[in-house]
Amino acid sequence: MPKSLPPAIEAFATPAISPADVITLRRHYFADNAISLSEGEELFAIAAKVGDAGCREWHQFFSEAIGVLLVDQVEPRGYLSDENADWFIARIMHDGHVLLKSEFETLLRVMERAREVPDKLAAFALGLVRDIVITGDGTSITGEKHAPGVVTAADVAALRRTLFVASSEGFGSVTRAEADVLFDIADATAGADNDPSFDDLFARAIGNHLLSGLGRHAPDRKEALRREAWLDERRPLGTGIAATFRGIVFGRREASAVESAPAAVTEIVTSEEAAWLKTRIHYNGEVGSAERALLAFLRDEAAEIDPSLDAVIAEVV
């Protein structure tokens, strides 16, 4: 991140930034209809000086510009790359500064805007909520402070919102990285007077991870690039690059492709998942109420559970 802003921009980097100032910044940064990485760093530098003050128009512009940079300008459009995710995380964590509400809101809006979100970014966003649960300082995310090591209703709402936006366009299931963060929260707050809604969210989210089969299934970035290349080629269907799609046309699968594809395994807890689950449930030697709720959920909802979990379920449910 730049240590200083250009003199023409520096004057706007103040909590007193006005709607008129934002119009000037918008004209400056969108003059060429694009936002560069260096301009993105400038915007983060302005955000750091504005803080969580500033006018509504500034916060809207900041989120919009970062979204354009990270999501709209990539190829294919709408796919957030690992490199851009790394850049985004580094900007938010720069010098370990206190997370701004505007940065967290921008993070969620970028994930919501993206067609595909790298797992690392979704887990990072969830980890920010985990951190405020553990420290009790949720000012930048939930707007409240509370005793450390307890999950409040506002924390649950932030967790739910983060999980939702990470699974844009209905593609989502909870990933292993996200599930591990949720277990971290359950471990850190075991025995605390958590809001009852946390147990339900935890059970359903981890249950979703274990029983959803294929998980997030938006076409990945590589496949989307291949589809765009095929459209650009404008060759007859079934020739050239189109032949590599195995029946995928305009984002839909032909019947032959669906019939030949491996069936998704759903509503089954596999041996690998059971092994992971046992290590997480007994991570700190204590089975909390959230983990009990999860085991009860699996007992009632799973079509099949690996036998290695039978003793664990019988013990705690």
Protein backbone atom coordinates (compact mmCIF):
# COMPACT_ATOMS: atom_id res chain seq x y z
CA MET A 1 0.00 0.00 0.00
CA PRO A 2 1.40 3.45 -0.87
CA LYS A 3 2.83 5.41 2.07
CA SER A 4 1.40 8.63 0.69
CA LEU A 5 -1.38 9.64 -1.67
CA PRO A 6 -0.98 11.95 -4.66
CA PRO A 7 -1.43 15.56 -3.50
CA ALA A 8 -4.58 15.94 -5.60
CA ILE A 9 -6.16 12.99 -3.79
CA GLU A 10 -4.80 13.55 -0.29
CA ALA A 11 -7.25 16.38 0.42
CA PHE A 12 -10.20 14.01 0.10
CA ALA A 13 -8.80 11.44 2.57
CA THR A 14 -10.58 12.73 5.65
CA PRO A 15 -13.57 11.69 7.79
CA ALA A 16 -15.22 14.88 6.54
CA ILE A 17 -15.35 13.60 2.94
CA SER A 18 -18.54 14.86 1.29
CA PRO A 19 -20.82 13.60 -1.50
CA ALA A 20 -19.33 16.27 -3.77
CA ASP A 21 -15.84 14.97 -2.98
CA VAL A 22 -16.96 11.46 -3.90
CA ILE A 23 -18.22 12.68 -7.27
CA THR A 24 -14.76 14.13 -7.92
CA LEU A 25 -13.07 10.87 -6.89
CA ARG A 26 -15.47 8.86 -9.03
CA ARG A 27 -14.65 10.96 -12.09
CA HIS A 28 -10.94 10.59 -11.36
CA TYR A 29 -10.81 6.84 -10.80
CA PHE A 30 -13.34 5.87 -13.46
CA ALA A 31 -11.98 8.26 -16.09
CA ASP A 32 -10.71 5.32 -18.16
CA ASN A 33 -13.56 2.99 -17.09
CA ALA A 34 -11.15 0.77 -15.16
CA ILE A 35 -9.47 0.53 -11.76
CA SER A 36 -5.81 -0.53 -11.57
CA LEU A 37 -4.21 -2.33 -8.63
CA SER A 38 -2.24 0.81 -7.75
CA GLU A 39 -5.47 2.81 -7.78
CA GLY A 40 -7.04 0.11 -5.61
CA GLU A 41 -4.22 0.61 -3.11
CA GLU A 42 -4.90 4.34 -3.15
CA LEU A 43 -8.55 3.70 -2.39
CA PHE A 44 -7.60 1.53 0.59
CA ALA A 45 -5.28 4.32 1.76
CA ILE A 46 -8.15 6.79 1.54
CA ALA A 47 -10.42 4.35 3.40
CA ALA A 48 -7.86 4.06 6.21
CA LYS A 49 -7.92 7.84 6.70
CA VAL A 50 -11.68 8.19 6.36
CA GLY A 51 -12.24 5.32 8.79
CA ASP A 52 -15.82 4.31 9.52
CA ALA A 53 -16.90 7.95 9.35
CA GLY A 54 -17.47 9.64 6.03
CA CYS A 55 -20.62 9.92 3.98
CA ARG A 56 -22.72 7.07 2.66
CA GLU A 57 -21.68 7.91 -0.90
CA TRP A 58 -18.01 7.29 -0.05
CA HIS A 59 -18.62 3.84 1.34
CA GLN A 60 -20.76 2.93 -1.68
CA PHE A 61 -18.10 4.15 -4.08
CA PHE A 62 -15.31 2.31 -2.24
CA SER A 63 -17.20 -1.01 -2.39
CA GLU A 64 -18.16 -0.49 -6.02
CA ALA A 65 -14.64 0.40 -7.16
CA ILE A 66 -13.02 -2.55 -5.38
CA GLY A 67 -15.69 -4.84 -6.81
CA VAL A 68 -14.97 -3.57 -10.33
CA LEU A 69 -11.25 -4.10 -9.80
CA LEU A 70 -11.44 -7.63 -8.39
CA VAL A 71 -14.48 -9.11 -10.12
CA ASP A 72 -15.66 -7.18 -13.16
CA GLN A 73 -12.28 -6.60 -14.79
CA VAL A 74 -11.08 -10.20 -14.68
CA GLU A 75 -11.37 -12.74 -17.46
CA PRO A 76 -13.81 -14.36 -17.45
CA ARG A 77 -15.94 -11.62 -15.93
CA GLY A 78 -17.20 -12.40 -12.45
CA TYR A 79 -14.52 -14.89 -11.40
CA LEU A 80 -12.41 -13.76 -8.48
CA SER A 81 -8.89 -15.12 -8.99
CA ASP A 82 -6.61 -16.50 -6.27
CA GLU A 83 -4.15 -13.69 -6.99
CA ASN A 84 -6.81 -11.01 -6.52
CA ALA A 85 -8.03 -12.76 -3.36
CA ASP A 86 -4.47 -12.67 -1.97
CA TRP A 87 -4.18 -8.97 -2.83
CA PHE A 88 -7.52 -8.23 -1.18
CA ILE A 89 -6.62 -10.10 2.02
CA ALA A 90 -3.23 -8.35 2.18
CA ARG A 91 -4.87 -4.93 1.84
CA ILE A 92 -7.34 -5.64 4.64
CA MET A 93 -4.61 -7.01 6.91
CA HIS A 94 -2.03 -4.34 6.03
CA ASP A 95 0.15 -3.56 9.05
CA GLY A 96 -2.35 -5.38 11.27
CA HIS A 97 -4.59 -2.31 11.39
CA VAL A 98 -8.01 -2.51 12.97
CA LEU A 99 -10.63 -3.86 10.58
CA LEU A 100 -12.92 -1.15 9.27
CA LYS A 101 -16.64 -1.70 8.86
CA SER A 102 -16.32 -0.39 5.30
CA GLU A 103 -13.66 -3.04 4.56
CA PHE A 104 -15.76 -5.90 5.91
CA GLU A 105 -18.82 -4.68 4.01
CA THR A 106 -16.73 -4.42 0.86
CA LEU A 107 -15.41 -7.95 1.42
CA LEU A 108 -18.95 -9.32 1.64
CA ARG A 109 -20.12 -7.34 -1.37
CA VAL A 110 -17.18 -8.52 -3.46
CA MET A 111 -17.95 -12.15 -2.56
CA GLU A 112 -21.62 -11.55 -3.33
CA ARG A 113 -20.70 -9.97 -6.65
CA ALA A 114 -18.39 -12.82 -7.69
CA ARG A 115 -19.60 -15.89 -9.53
CA GLU A 116 -16.86 -17.98 -7.91
CA VAL A 117 -15.15 -17.17 -4.60
CA PRO A 118 -11.79 -18.80 -3.72
CA ASP A 119 -12.15 -20.91 -0.59
CA LYS A 120 -9.33 -18.96 1.08
CA LEU A 121 -11.27 -15.70 0.83
CA ALA A 122 -14.51 -17.19 2.16
CA ALA A 123 -12.63 -18.76 5.09
CA PHE A 124 -10.82 -15.46 5.70
CA ALA A 125 -14.13 -13.59 5.93
CA LEU A 126 -15.51 -16.17 8.35
CA GLY A 127 -12.27 -15.97 10.32
CA LEU A 128 -12.81 -12.24 10.83
CA VAL A 129 -16.12 -13.04 12.52
CA ARG A 130 -14.41 -15.76 14.57
CA ASP A 131 -11.88 -13.21 15.79
CA ILE A 132 -14.55 -10.81 17.03
CA VAL A 133 -16.31 -13.69 18.82
CA ILE A 134 -13.08 -14.56 20.63
CA THR A 135 -12.04 -10.98 21.44
CA GLY A 136 -15.53 -9.59 22.02
CA ASP A 137 -14.85 -6.49 19.92
CA GLY A 138 -17.32 -6.70 17.08
CA THR A 139 -17.66 -2.99 16.44
CA SER A 140 -16.51 -3.24 12.83
CA ILE A 141 -18.77 -6.19 11.97
CA THR A 142 -21.73 -6.45 14.33
CA GLY A 143 -21.68 -2.98 15.85
CA GLU A 144 -21.46 -4.34 19.40
CA LYS A 145 -18.93 -5.25 22.05
CA HIS A 146 -19.45 -8.16 24.40
CA ALA A 147 -17.57 -10.46 26.73
CA PRO A 148 -14.81 -12.38 24.91
CA GLY A 149 -15.35 -16.03 24.11
CA VAL A 150 -19.13 -15.97 23.74
CA VAL A 151 -21.33 -16.08 20.64
CA THR A 152 -24.13 -13.50 20.63
CA ALA A 153 -27.17 -13.28 18.38
CA ALA A 154 -25.40 -10.51 16.43
CA ASP A 155 -22.39 -12.79 15.94
CA VAL A 156 -24.64 -15.54 14.60
CA ALA A 157 -26.23 -13.09 12.18
CA ALA A 158 -22.76 -12.10 10.93
CA LEU A 159 -21.75 -15.76 10.54
CA ARG A 160 -24.94 -16.54 8.65
CA ARG A 161 -24.52 -13.56 6.33
CA THR A 162 -20.90 -14.43 5.61
CA LEU A 163 -21.72 -18.05 4.80
CA PHE A 164 -24.56 -16.92 2.53
CA VAL A 165 -22.59 -14.44 0.42
CA ALA A 166 -19.70 -16.89 0.03
CA SER A 167 -22.11 -19.16 -1.85
CA SER A 168 -23.32 -16.79 -4.52
CA GLU A 169 -25.82 -17.74 -7.24
CA GLY A 170 -26.98 -20.77 -5.29
CA PHE A 171 -23.84 -22.78 -5.94
CA GLY A 172 -22.84 -23.23 -2.39
CA SER A 173 -22.15 -25.65 0.27
CA VAL A 174 -19.91 -25.01 3.24
CA THR A 175 -16.30 -25.83 2.41
CA ARG A 176 -13.84 -27.69 4.63
CA ALA A 177 -11.96 -24.46 5.33
CA GLU A 178 -15.17 -22.77 6.47
CA ALA A 179 -16.19 -25.81 8.51
CA ASP A 180 -12.85 -25.70 10.32
CA VAL A 181 -13.40 -22.04 11.21
CA LEU A 182 -16.85 -22.87 12.61
CA PHE A 183 -15.32 -25.65 14.70
CA ASP A 184 -12.69 -23.17 15.94
CA ILE A 185 -15.53 -20.98 17.20
CA ALA A 186 -17.31 -23.92 18.84
CA ASP A 187 -14.06 -24.99 20.53
CA ALA A 188 -13.25 -21.48 21.76
CA THR A 189 -16.75 -20.97 23.21
CA ALA A 190 -17.48 -24.45 24.58
CA GLY A 191 -19.24 -24.01 27.91
CA ALA A 192 -19.97 -20.32 27.31
CA ASP A 193 -23.45 -18.84 27.46
CA ASN A 194 -23.78 -18.72 23.67
CA ASP A 195 -26.93 -17.57 21.97
CA PRO A 196 -29.01 -20.73 21.29
CA SER A 197 -29.15 -19.91 17.58
CA PHE A 198 -25.44 -20.71 17.25
CA ASP A 199 -25.97 -24.43 17.91
CA ASP A 200 -28.56 -24.59 15.15
CA LEU A 201 -26.44 -22.64 12.66
CA PHE A 202 -23.38 -24.75 13.48
CA ALA A 203 -25.24 -28.06 13.10
CA ARG A 204 -26.82 -27.06 9.80
CA ALA A 205 -23.64 -25.54 8.35
CA ILE A 206 -21.39 -28.49 9.20
CA GLY A 207 -24.17 -30.87 8.19
CA ASN A 208 -24.34 -29.04 4.87
CA HIS A 209 -20.59 -29.55 4.42
CA LEU A 210 -20.80 -33.27 5.14
CA LEU A 211 -23.98 -34.10 3.23
CA SER A 212 -23.90 -31.80 0.21
CA GLY A 213 -21.84 -34.04 -2.05
CA LEU A 214 -20.09 -31.98 -4.71
CA GLY A 215 -20.02 -28.71 -2.79
CA ARG A 216 -19.72 -25.46 -4.70
CA HIS A 217 -20.22 -26.26 -8.33
CA ALA A 218 -20.12 -23.05 -10.29
CA PRO A 219 -18.05 -23.65 -13.43
CA ASP A 220 -14.48 -23.02 -12.33
CA ARG A 221 -12.47 -20.16 -13.79
CA LYS A 222 -10.52 -22.37 -16.20
CA GLU A 223 -13.67 -23.92 -17.60
CA ALA A 224 -15.35 -20.54 -17.91
CA LEU A 225 -12.35 -19.25 -19.89
CA ARG A 226 -12.64 -22.23 -22.22
CA ARG A 227 -16.31 -21.50 -22.76
CA GLU A 228 -15.58 -17.89 -23.60
CA ALA A 229 -12.85 -19.00 -26.00
CA TRP A 230 -15.35 -21.29 -27.70
CA LEU A 231 -17.83 -18.44 -28.12
CA ASP A 232 -15.08 -16.24 -29.55
CA GLU A 233 -14.03 -18.91 -32.01
CA ARG A 234 -17.58 -19.06 -33.47
CA ARG A 235 -16.96 -22.51 -34.86
CA PRO A 236 -19.72 -24.98 -35.70
CA LEU A 237 -20.91 -26.95 -32.69
CA GLY A 238 -18.90 -30.15 -32.21
CA THR A 239 -15.67 -28.91 -33.80
CA GLY A 240 -12.49 -27.42 -32.44
CA ILE A 241 -12.52 -26.24 -28.85
CA ALA A 242 -16.24 -26.93 -28.48
CA ALA A 243 -15.47 -30.65 -28.57
CA THR A 244 -13.62 -30.36 -25.26
CA PHE A 245 -16.77 -29.40 -23.37
CA ARG A 246 -18.27 -32.92 -23.44
CA GLY A 247 -21.73 -31.57 -24.12
CA ILE A 248 -21.59 -28.34 -22.11
CA VAL A 249 -23.22 -25.61 -24.18
CA PHE A 250 -23.92 -22.06 -22.94
CA GLY A 251 -23.60 -23.16 -19.32
CA ARG A 252 -26.03 -26.12 -19.66
CA ARG A 253 -25.25 -29.81 -19.89
CA GLU A 254 -26.82 -31.88 -22.64
CA ALA A 255 -28.56 -35.08 -21.53
CA SER A 256 -25.66 -37.26 -22.74
CA ALA A 257 -23.21 -35.32 -20.60
CA VAL A 258 -25.38 -35.64 -17.52
CA GLU A 259 -25.88 -39.35 -18.05
CA SER A 260 -22.15 -39.98 -18.44
CA ALA A 261 -21.07 -37.83 -15.48
CA PRO A 262 -20.43 -39.51 -12.11
CA ALA A 263 -23.45 -39.29 -9.83
CA ALA A 264 -23.13 -36.88 -6.92
CA VAL A 265 -22.89 -38.67 -3.60
CA THR A 266 -25.17 -36.83 -1.20
CA GLU A 267 -26.56 -37.32 2.29
CA ILE A 268 -23.75 -39.75 3.15
CA VAL A 269 -21.01 -39.24 5.75
CA THR A 270 -17.99 -40.99 4.23
CA SER A 271 -15.10 -42.61 6.08
CA GLU A 272 -12.85 -39.63 5.27
CA GLU A 273 -15.45 -37.19 6.56
CA ALA A 274 -15.99 -39.29 9.68
CA ALA A 275 -12.26 -39.32 10.42
CA TRP A 276 -12.09 -35.53 10.08
CA LEU A 277 -15.21 -35.09 12.19
CA LYS A 278 -13.86 -37.22 15.04
CA THR A 279 -10.64 -35.20 15.23
CA ARG A 280 -12.62 -31.95 15.33
CA ILE A 281 -15.22 -33.07 17.85
CA HIS A 282 -12.57 -34.24 20.31
CA TYR A 283 -10.16 -31.41 19.52
CA ASN A 284 -10.16 -29.92 23.01
CA GLY A 285 -11.38 -32.98 24.88
CA GLU A 286 -14.85 -31.50 25.39
CA VAL A 287 -18.00 -32.03 23.35
CA GLY A 288 -20.00 -28.82 23.49
CA SER A 289 -23.67 -28.23 22.85
CA ALA A 290 -23.06 -27.14 19.25
CA GLU A 291 -21.26 -30.41 18.48
CA ARG A 292 -24.02 -32.39 20.17
CA ALA A 293 -26.54 -30.59 17.99
CA LEU A 294 -24.47 -31.50 14.91
CA LEU A 295 -24.35 -35.20 15.79
CA ALA A 296 -28.10 -35.22 16.40
CA PHE A 297 -28.61 -33.49 13.05
CA LEU A 298 -26.53 -36.12 11.24
CA ARG A 299 -28.29 -38.95 13.04
CA ASP A 300 -31.66 -37.63 11.89
CA GLU A 301 -30.79 -36.34 8.41
CA ALA A 302 -28.03 -38.50 6.92
CA ALA A 303 -29.06 -41.42 4.74
CA GLU A 304 -25.88 -43.25 5.68
CA ILE A 305 -23.13 -42.61 8.24
CA ASP A 306 -19.77 -44.34 8.28
CA PRO A 307 -19.84 -46.95 11.11
CA SER A 308 -16.76 -45.40 12.74
CA LEU A 309 -19.02 -42.61 14.02
CA ASP A 310 -21.55 -44.95 15.66
CA ALA A 311 -19.80 -44.99 19.05
CA VAL A 312 -19.35 -41.21 19.05
CA ILE A 313 -23.00 -40.57 18.28
CA ALA A 314 -24.16 -43.12 20.85
CA GLU A 315 -21.91 -41.53 23.46
CA VAL A 316 -22.99 -37.94 23.17
CA VAL A 317 -26.47 -37.87 21.61
